[in-house]
Protein backbone atom coordinates (compact mmCIF):
# COMPACT_ATOMS: atom_id res chain seq x y z
CA UNK A 1 82.43 30.69 33.89
CA UNK A 2 83.31 28.30 36.71
CA UNK A 3 80.54 26.70 38.65
CA UNK A 4 80.71 25.09 42.18
CA UNK A 5 80.13 21.61 40.59
CA UNK A 6 83.09 22.01 38.21
CA UNK A 7 85.32 23.50 40.87
CA UNK A 8 84.80 20.67 43.36
CA UNK A 9 86.68 17.82 41.85
CA UNK A 10 89.54 20.09 40.92
CA UNK A 11 89.70 21.57 44.54
CA UNK A 12 89.78 18.08 45.82
CA UNK A 13 92.91 17.46 43.81
CA UNK A 14 94.57 20.25 45.51
CA UNK A 15 94.95 18.13 48.66
CA UNK A 16 97.72 16.09 47.01
CA UNK A 17 99.94 19.14 46.44
CA UNK A 18 103.06 18.88 48.61
CA UNK A 19 103.91 21.91 50.69
CA UNK A 20 104.06 23.30 54.26
CA UNK A 21 101.82 26.11 55.21
CA UNK A 22 104.12 26.97 58.07
CA UNK A 23 106.76 28.27 55.71
CA UNK A 24 104.39 30.86 54.15
CA UNK A 25 102.98 31.79 57.53
CA UNK A 26 106.51 32.84 58.73
CA UNK A 27 106.93 34.86 55.51
CA UNK A 28 103.61 36.65 56.14
CA UNK A 29 104.47 37.16 59.84
CA UNK A 30 107.78 38.83 59.07
CA UNK A 31 106.28 40.97 56.31
CA UNK A 32 103.52 42.10 58.56
CA UNK A 33 105.96 42.74 61.50
CA UNK A 34 107.83 45.16 59.11
CA UNK A 35 104.53 46.90 58.12
CA UNK A 36 103.35 46.97 61.65
CA UNK A 37 106.49 48.77 62.87
CA UNK A 38 105.66 51.82 60.72
CA UNK A 39 101.87 52.20 61.43
CA UNK A 40 102.12 54.17 64.69
CA UNK A 41 104.83 56.47 63.28
CA UNK A 42 103.99 57.21 59.64
CA UNK A 43 101.34 59.81 60.43
CA UNK A 44 103.81 61.64 62.87
CA UNK A 45 106.49 61.44 60.08
CA UNK A 46 104.01 63.18 57.63
CA UNK A 47 103.33 65.76 60.32
CA UNK A 48 107.02 66.69 60.31
CA UNK A 49 106.58 68.05 56.73
CA UNK A 50 103.23 69.84 57.38
CA UNK A 51 102.28 72.78 59.52
CA UNK A 52 98.71 71.95 60.92
CA UNK A 53 96.45 69.09 61.78
CA UNK A 54 94.25 69.52 58.73
CA UNK A 55 97.21 69.54 56.39
CA UNK A 56 98.63 66.49 58.16
CA UNK A 57 95.35 64.59 57.79
CA UNK A 58 95.12 65.73 54.11
CA UNK A 59 98.61 64.66 53.11
CA UNK A 60 98.50 61.35 55.13
CA UNK A 61 95.28 60.56 53.23
CA UNK A 62 96.80 61.31 49.99
CA UNK A 63 99.82 59.14 50.72
CA UNK A 64 97.72 56.28 51.91
CA UNK A 65 95.61 56.60 48.73
CA UNK A 66 98.77 56.49 46.50
CA UNK A 67 99.76 53.33 48.25
CA UNK A 68 96.28 51.77 47.76
CA UNK A 69 96.32 52.88 43.99
CA UNK A 70 99.51 50.92 43.39
CA UNK A 71 98.15 47.95 45.21
CA UNK A 72 95.08 48.11 43.03
CA UNK A 73 97.07 48.25 39.83
CA UNK A 74 99.65 45.68 40.69
CA UNK A 75 97.83 43.11 43.00
CA UNK A 76 95.84 41.38 40.15
CA UNK A 77 99.02 41.32 37.94
CA UNK A 78 101.00 39.68 40.67
CA UNK A 79 98.24 37.24 41.37
CA UNK A 80 97.90 36.22 37.78
CA UNK A 81 101.62 36.00 37.39
CA UNK A 82 101.80 33.69 40.29
CA UNK A 83 99.15 31.47 38.55
CA UNK A 84 101.62 31.31 35.63
CA UNK A 85 105.17 31.08 37.00
CA UNK A 86 104.30 29.88 40.62
CA UNK A 87 103.84 31.55 44.05
CA UNK A 88 107.48 31.53 45.24
CA UNK A 89 109.10 33.98 42.71
CA UNK A 90 106.26 36.54 43.34
CA UNK A 91 106.67 36.19 47.11
CA UNK A 92 110.45 36.86 46.72
CA UNK A 93 109.71 39.89 44.52
CA UNK A 94 107.32 41.24 47.23
CA UNK A 95 109.86 40.84 50.04
CA UNK A 96 112.62 42.70 48.09
CA UNK A 97 110.31 45.53 47.01
CA UNK A 98 109.04 46.08 50.63
CA UNK A 99 112.68 46.36 51.91
CA UNK A 100 113.46 49.07 49.38
CA UNK A 101 110.09 50.85 50.31
CA UNK A 102 110.99 51.06 54.03
CA UNK A 103 114.55 52.23 53.43
CA UNK A 104 113.37 54.81 50.95
CA UNK A 105 110.83 56.17 53.46
CA UNK A 106 113.51 56.10 56.21
CA UNK A 107 115.83 58.33 54.16
CA UNK A 108 113.14 60.70 52.84
CA UNK A 109 114.05 64.31 53.40
CA UNK A 110 110.60 65.57 52.11
CA UNK A 111 107.10 64.62 51.24
CA UNK A 112 108.03 63.79 47.54
CA UNK A 113 110.54 61.13 48.72
CA UNK A 114 107.83 59.62 51.06
CA UNK A 115 105.57 59.37 48.08
CA UNK A 116 108.22 57.51 46.09
CA UNK A 117 108.56 55.03 48.99
CA UNK A 118 104.70 54.55 49.16
CA UNK A 119 104.63 53.86 45.33
CA UNK A 120 107.35 51.25 45.57
CA UNK A 121 105.55 49.65 48.59
CA UNK A 122 102.21 49.56 46.83
CA UNK A 123 103.74 47.86 43.73
CA UNK A 124 105.33 45.26 46.01
CA UNK A 125 102.79 44.37 48.56
CA UNK A 126 101.50 41.13 47.02
CA UNK A 127 102.44 38.91 49.96
CA UNK A 128 98.78 38.52 51.42
CA UNK A 129 97.07 37.61 48.12
CA UNK A 130 99.84 35.20 46.99
CA UNK A 131 100.08 33.69 50.43
CA UNK A 132 96.38 33.13 50.39
CA UNK A 133 96.69 31.46 47.04
CA UNK A 134 99.62 29.32 48.40
CA UNK A 135 97.29 28.34 51.26
CA UNK A 136 94.61 27.37 48.82
CA UNK A 137 97.14 25.36 46.73
CA UNK A 138 97.92 23.00 49.65
CA UNK A 139 94.41 22.80 51.21
CA UNK A 140 91.26 20.92 50.55
CA UNK A 141 87.97 22.77 50.00
CA UNK A 142 86.74 21.77 53.43
CA UNK A 143 89.78 23.36 55.33
CA UNK A 144 90.55 26.30 53.15
CA UNK A 145 88.72 28.70 55.54
CA UNK A 146 90.92 27.45 58.45
CA UNK A 147 94.01 27.84 56.24
CA UNK A 148 92.89 31.38 55.39
CA UNK A 149 92.35 31.91 59.08
CA UNK A 150 95.96 30.91 59.77
CA UNK A 151 97.28 33.26 57.27
CA UNK A 152 95.21 36.00 58.86
CA UNK A 153 96.54 34.97 62.23
CA UNK A 154 100.12 35.34 61.02
CA UNK A 155 99.08 38.77 59.90
CA UNK A 156 97.70 39.46 63.29
CA UNK A 157 100.81 38.14 65.04
CA UNK A 158 102.92 40.53 63.04
CA UNK A 159 100.77 43.32 64.37
CA UNK A 160 101.09 41.99 67.91
CA UNK A 161 104.89 42.73 67.94
CA UNK A 162 105.25 45.28 65.04
CA UNK A 163 103.10 48.30 66.32
CA UNK A 164 104.20 47.98 69.90
CA UNK A 165 107.88 47.74 68.81
CA UNK A 166 107.31 50.56 66.31
CA UNK A 167 105.83 52.83 68.99
CA UNK A 168 108.87 52.19 71.18
CA UNK A 169 111.32 52.77 68.49
CA UNK A 170 109.36 55.81 67.22
CA UNK A 171 109.75 57.32 70.72
CA UNK A 172 113.48 57.25 70.17
CA UNK A 173 113.55 58.34 66.58
CA UNK A 174 110.60 58.46 63.95
CA UNK A 175 112.91 57.09 61.30
CA UNK A 176 114.28 54.18 63.29
CA UNK A 177 111.16 51.86 62.69
CA UNK A 178 111.63 52.16 58.98
CA UNK A 179 115.26 50.96 59.16
CA UNK A 180 114.27 48.09 61.25
CA UNK A 181 111.44 47.19 58.99
CA UNK A 182 113.70 47.29 55.95
CA UNK A 183 116.14 44.95 57.60
CA UNK A 184 113.41 42.54 58.53
CA UNK A 185 112.03 42.54 54.96
CA UNK A 186 115.57 41.90 53.59
CA UNK A 187 115.83 38.97 56.08
CA UNK A 188 112.41 37.80 54.93
CA UNK A 189 113.75 37.66 51.36
CA UNK A 190 116.66 35.44 52.35
CA UNK A 191 114.45 33.16 54.38
CA UNK A 192 112.02 32.81 51.40
CA UNK A 193 114.82 32.21 48.98
CA UNK A 194 116.41 29.38 50.91
CA UNK A 195 113.43 27.74 52.63
CA UNK A 196 109.94 28.54 51.02
CA UNK A 197 109.08 25.68 48.54
CA UNK A 198 106.83 26.21 45.45
CA UNK A 199 103.18 25.13 45.96
CA UNK A 200 101.89 25.37 42.36
CA UNK A 201 102.99 22.39 40.19
CA UNK A 202 103.75 23.17 36.44
CA UNK A 203 100.78 21.01 35.54
CA UNK A 204 98.40 23.27 37.24
CA UNK A 205 99.64 26.61 36.08
CA UNK A 206 97.44 28.77 33.94
CA UNK A 207 98.54 30.38 30.59
CA UNK A 208 99.33 34.00 31.01
CA UNK A 209 96.69 36.18 29.55
CA UNK A 210 97.22 40.05 29.43
CA UNK A 211 93.63 40.71 30.03
CA UNK A 212 94.01 39.13 33.45
CA UNK A 213 96.48 41.77 34.58
CA UNK A 214 94.15 44.61 34.08
CA UNK A 215 92.81 45.30 37.64
CA UNK A 216 89.48 46.43 36.14
CA UNK A 217 89.17 43.26 34.12
CA UNK A 218 89.74 41.19 37.19
CA UNK A 219 87.12 43.03 39.09
CA UNK A 220 84.68 42.82 36.19
CA UNK A 221 85.30 39.11 35.97
CA UNK A 222 84.67 38.95 39.75
CA UNK A 223 81.50 40.96 39.38
CA UNK A 224 80.15 38.55 36.65
CA UNK A 225 80.26 35.72 38.99
CA UNK A 226 76.46 35.90 39.61
CA UNK A 227 76.61 32.84 41.83
CA UNK A 228 78.64 34.81 44.41
CA UNK A 229 77.78 38.39 43.69
CA UNK A 230 76.03 39.01 46.94
CA UNK A 231 79.15 37.57 48.74
CA UNK A 232 81.37 39.94 46.79
CA UNK A 233 79.23 42.93 47.77
CA UNK A 234 79.25 41.81 51.38
CA UNK A 235 83.01 41.28 51.36
CA UNK A 236 83.45 44.66 49.72
CA UNK A 237 81.41 46.57 52.26
CA UNK A 238 83.04 44.89 55.19
CA UNK A 239 86.55 45.46 53.76
CA UNK A 240 85.88 49.11 53.09
CA UNK A 241 84.58 49.61 56.75
CA UNK A 242 87.71 47.91 58.02
CA UNK A 243 89.93 50.10 55.69
CA UNK A 244 88.32 53.20 57.10
CA UNK A 245 89.22 52.20 60.53
CA UNK A 246 92.84 51.03 59.67
CA UNK A 247 93.71 54.16 57.61
CA UNK A 248 92.33 56.75 60.07
CA UNK A 249 92.87 55.03 63.46
CA UNK A 250 96.26 56.63 64.51
CA UNK A 251 95.17 60.20 63.36
CA UNK A 252 91.73 59.82 65.04
CA UNK A 253 93.17 58.67 68.40
CA UNK A 254 95.88 61.37 68.21
CA UNK A 255 93.36 64.06 67.62
CA UNK A 256 90.68 62.90 70.03
CA UNK A 257 92.76 61.41 72.83
CA UNK A 258 96.10 62.97 72.14
CA UNK A 259 97.67 59.39 71.91
CA UNK A 260 101.46 58.98 71.36
CA UNK A 261 103.00 56.52 68.99
CA UNK A 262 103.53 54.26 71.98
CA UNK A 263 99.86 54.40 73.02
CA UNK A 264 98.74 53.63 69.54
CA UNK A 265 101.25 50.73 69.33
CA UNK A 266 99.70 49.22 72.52
CA UNK A 267 96.17 49.62 71.13
CA UNK A 268 97.24 47.85 67.86
CA UNK A 269 99.00 45.19 69.93
CA UNK A 270 95.63 44.50 71.44
CA UNK A 271 94.15 44.21 67.90
CA UNK A 272 96.84 41.73 66.91
CA UNK A 273 96.35 39.54 70.04
CA UNK A 274 92.61 39.43 69.39
CA UNK A 275 92.99 38.58 65.72
CA UNK A 276 95.54 35.84 66.43
CA UNK A 277 93.58 34.20 69.20
CA UNK A 278 90.42 34.20 67.07
CA UNK A 279 91.93 33.24 63.80
CA UNK A 280 94.59 30.78 64.88
CA UNK A 281 93.03 29.27 68.00
CA UNK A 282 89.18 29.68 67.87
CA UNK A 283 88.21 29.86 64.20
CA UNK A 284 88.04 26.17 63.61
CA UNK A 285 85.90 25.66 66.70
CA UNK A 286 83.65 28.61 65.81
CA UNK A 287 83.16 27.28 62.25
CA UNK A 288 82.26 23.85 63.66
CA UNK A 289 79.85 25.44 66.07
CA UNK A 290 78.16 27.96 63.87
CA UNK A 291 79.26 27.21 60.28
CA UNK A 292 80.89 29.64 57.95
CA UNK A 293 77.69 31.46 57.00
CA UNK A 294 76.27 32.01 60.50
CA UNK A 295 79.77 33.07 61.71
CA UNK A 296 80.11 35.65 59.05
CA UNK A 297 76.71 37.02 59.91
CA UNK A 298 77.59 37.25 63.71
CA UNK A 299 80.91 38.87 62.85
CA UNK A 300 79.25 41.56 60.78
CA UNK A 301 76.80 42.43 63.57
CA UNK A 302 79.59 42.63 66.08
CA UNK A 303 81.60 44.95 63.81
CA UNK A 304 78.64 47.26 63.24
CA UNK A 305 78.04 47.64 66.95
CA UNK A 306 81.76 48.17 67.61
CA UNK A 307 82.24 50.84 64.95
CA UNK A 308 79.27 52.87 66.38
CA UNK A 309 80.73 52.66 69.90
CA UNK A 310 84.26 53.65 68.72
CA UNK A 311 82.78 56.82 67.37
CA UNK A 312 80.88 57.56 70.59
CA UNK A 313 83.84 56.82 72.90
CA UNK A 314 84.90 59.80 74.99
CA UNK A 315 87.77 58.17 76.94
CA UNK A 316 90.81 56.31 75.57
CA UNK A 317 90.41 53.33 77.76
CA UNK A 318 87.12 52.69 76.00
CA UNK A 319 88.88 51.93 72.75
CA UNK A 320 90.86 49.20 74.45
CA UNK A 321 87.75 47.62 75.87
CA UNK A 322 85.93 47.68 72.57
CA UNK A 323 88.89 46.16 70.72
CA UNK A 324 88.80 43.06 73.13
CA UNK A 325 85.01 42.75 72.97
CA UNK A 326 84.89 42.75 69.09
CA UNK A 327 86.55 39.35 68.55
CA UNK A 328 83.87 37.89 66.34
CA UNK A 329 84.59 40.50 63.65
CA UNK A 330 88.03 38.87 62.90
CA UNK A 331 86.07 35.89 61.63
CA UNK A 332 84.23 37.62 58.82
CA UNK A 333 86.89 37.80 56.00
CA UNK A 334 88.24 34.10 56.42
CA UNK A 335 84.68 32.86 56.62
CA UNK A 336 83.64 34.69 53.45
CA UNK A 337 86.89 33.77 51.63
CA UNK A 338 86.21 30.17 52.46
CA UNK A 339 82.65 30.28 51.05
CA UNK A 340 83.92 32.04 47.90
CA UNK A 341 86.89 29.92 47.39
CA UNK A 342 84.97 26.63 47.46
CA UNK A 343 83.11 27.82 44.31
CA UNK A 344 86.33 28.65 42.30
CA UNK A 345 88.65 26.07 40.63
CA UNK A 346 92.29 25.77 41.97
CA UNK A 347 93.90 27.13 38.84
CA UNK A 348 91.94 30.39 39.41
CA UNK A 349 92.65 30.84 43.08
CA UNK A 350 95.53 33.22 42.59
CA UNK A 351 93.42 35.44 40.44
CA UNK A 352 90.61 35.22 42.79
CA UNK A 353 92.65 36.13 45.84
CA UNK A 354 94.36 38.93 43.97
CA UNK A 355 90.97 40.41 42.85
CA UNK A 356 89.77 40.10 46.52
CA UNK A 357 92.80 41.93 47.70
CA UNK A 358 92.23 44.45 44.98
CA UNK A 359 88.87 45.25 46.71
CA UNK A 360 90.93 46.12 49.79
CA UNK A 361 93.19 48.27 47.65
CA UNK A 362 90.26 50.27 46.47
CA UNK A 363 89.35 50.82 50.03
CA UNK A 364 92.91 52.00 50.77
CA UNK A 365 92.38 54.55 47.82
CA UNK A 366 88.99 55.75 48.70
CA UNK A 367 88.82 55.41 52.55
CA UNK A 368 91.97 57.53 53.44
CA UNK A 369 90.57 60.34 51.14
CA UNK A 370 87.19 60.20 52.67
CA UNK A 371 88.52 59.63 56.18
CA UNK A 372 91.07 62.36 56.02
CA UNK A 373 88.49 64.77 54.72
CA UNK A 374 86.19 64.04 57.57
CA UNK A 375 89.05 64.23 60.14
CA UNK A 376 90.24 67.48 58.69
CA UNK A 377 86.67 69.05 59.04
CA UNK A 378 86.42 67.85 62.66
CA UNK A 379 90.09 68.46 63.84
CA UNK A 380 89.07 71.76 65.41
CA UNK A 381 86.14 70.42 67.42
CA UNK A 382 86.31 69.61 71.09
CA UNK A 383 87.42 66.06 71.90
CA UNK A 384 84.04 65.30 73.48
CA UNK A 385 82.01 66.38 70.47
CA UNK A 386 80.26 63.31 69.03
CA UNK A 387 80.96 64.52 65.47
CA UNK A 388 84.66 63.76 65.94
CA UNK A 389 83.68 60.08 65.55
CA UNK A 390 82.28 60.56 62.05
CA UNK A 391 84.82 58.14 60.31
CA UNK A 392 83.49 55.23 62.49
CA UNK A 393 79.89 56.13 61.91
CA UNK A 394 80.53 55.77 58.26
CA UNK A 395 82.08 52.39 58.94
CA UNK A 396 79.06 51.33 61.05
CA UNK A 397 76.68 52.33 58.20
CA UNK A 398 78.60 50.20 55.68
CA UNK A 399 78.67 47.23 58.08
CA UNK A 400 74.87 47.52 58.53
CA UNK A 401 74.44 47.47 54.74
CA UNK A 402 76.72 44.45 54.48
CA UNK A 403 74.45 42.63 57.02
CA UNK A 404 71.43 43.42 54.86
CA UNK A 405 73.05 42.11 51.67
CA UNK A 406 74.43 38.98 53.27
CA UNK A 407 71.13 38.01 54.84
CA UNK A 408 69.43 38.50 51.46
CA UNK A 409 71.99 36.45 49.60
CA UNK A 410 72.00 33.54 52.09
CA UNK A 411 68.18 33.52 52.10
CA UNK A 412 68.25 32.97 48.27
CA UNK A 413 71.17 30.55 48.01
CA UNK A 414 70.73 27.61 50.29
CA UNK A 415 73.72 25.85 48.63
CA UNK A 416 76.07 28.45 50.18
CA UNK A 417 75.27 26.96 53.60
CA UNK A 418 76.58 23.51 52.58
């Protein structure tokens, strides 16, 4: 098992690896732009094949869970493969697969074909984990959190343009955003093939081990890291809370405020702006001011309060105000990733990031099922009934538990504050 002491000198060596983070940031941006395009319209597309709100919530939840299941099964595999053959080939595979996913969804005449598209997408969506490993390859231990923040900012920038554009295109035709997303992913593949360099030298590649591609094995290995177990639990709870929001937002606002795809696109635009400003512009300053540990704690508190207020909101404009006030929550994941990554050697970064992304995939399996069940039960209630906000109350409770676990861990592990 790796220790912080053994990881440090190897991590320092990573600073000498040539590469340009801007290349992979552009890839992530284009990939997330394509994904962002479909977020405001996919629930409505599912609704075309269902006859009621509760059925729409049910099938959308099932479809999101299928996507998450494929991510869970394939993310550690692709992360481990990237440790063996390099980051670039896996990134290219992801880009090609996502293009096929979007086009399959655009052509789908029924729910079965929509499922096929989501399966292909889940098998291919490795860009974030491999991009994070790429960022780790070319960063020093001291600036990895800032690099992860830039990757997150590229993700956010994709959502600045994607949902807004998707909402506008969806107003013309619900299928149009999927065609545009497919074309963008294909362009992303071409860009990556000709421009993106490899970041992992042959001398630092790990031998391929079939045990590492088992998603449960990867999570078990992560759980066995006693030195960071509390951080993993904190990261998991925060991620699950976020997944609940992400996978139920559009249906929730449609049911409660009768929002259109355009209005949801505008709200997600605000989310993207906030994420980009914090993670690209303010994260370095905030880490310098508070440190990664304190910043993660503040972000968790901000998230818990905001989830509660989301659930209590009775007017649509309140959601916009809460998004803009919840800026610190965007620092939680990069701060926790930075703390965890410092205690892991460079040749295991791909597996580590793949395993962390698999936690998110579990959330995309479980949270849509739980969220759609809750939304289905409250879909008949009046918009002002406080119970309609049940999904966000669950997220708030998980965030509060994450605060308790994090505080307990940091009080017992002073070295994590270094």
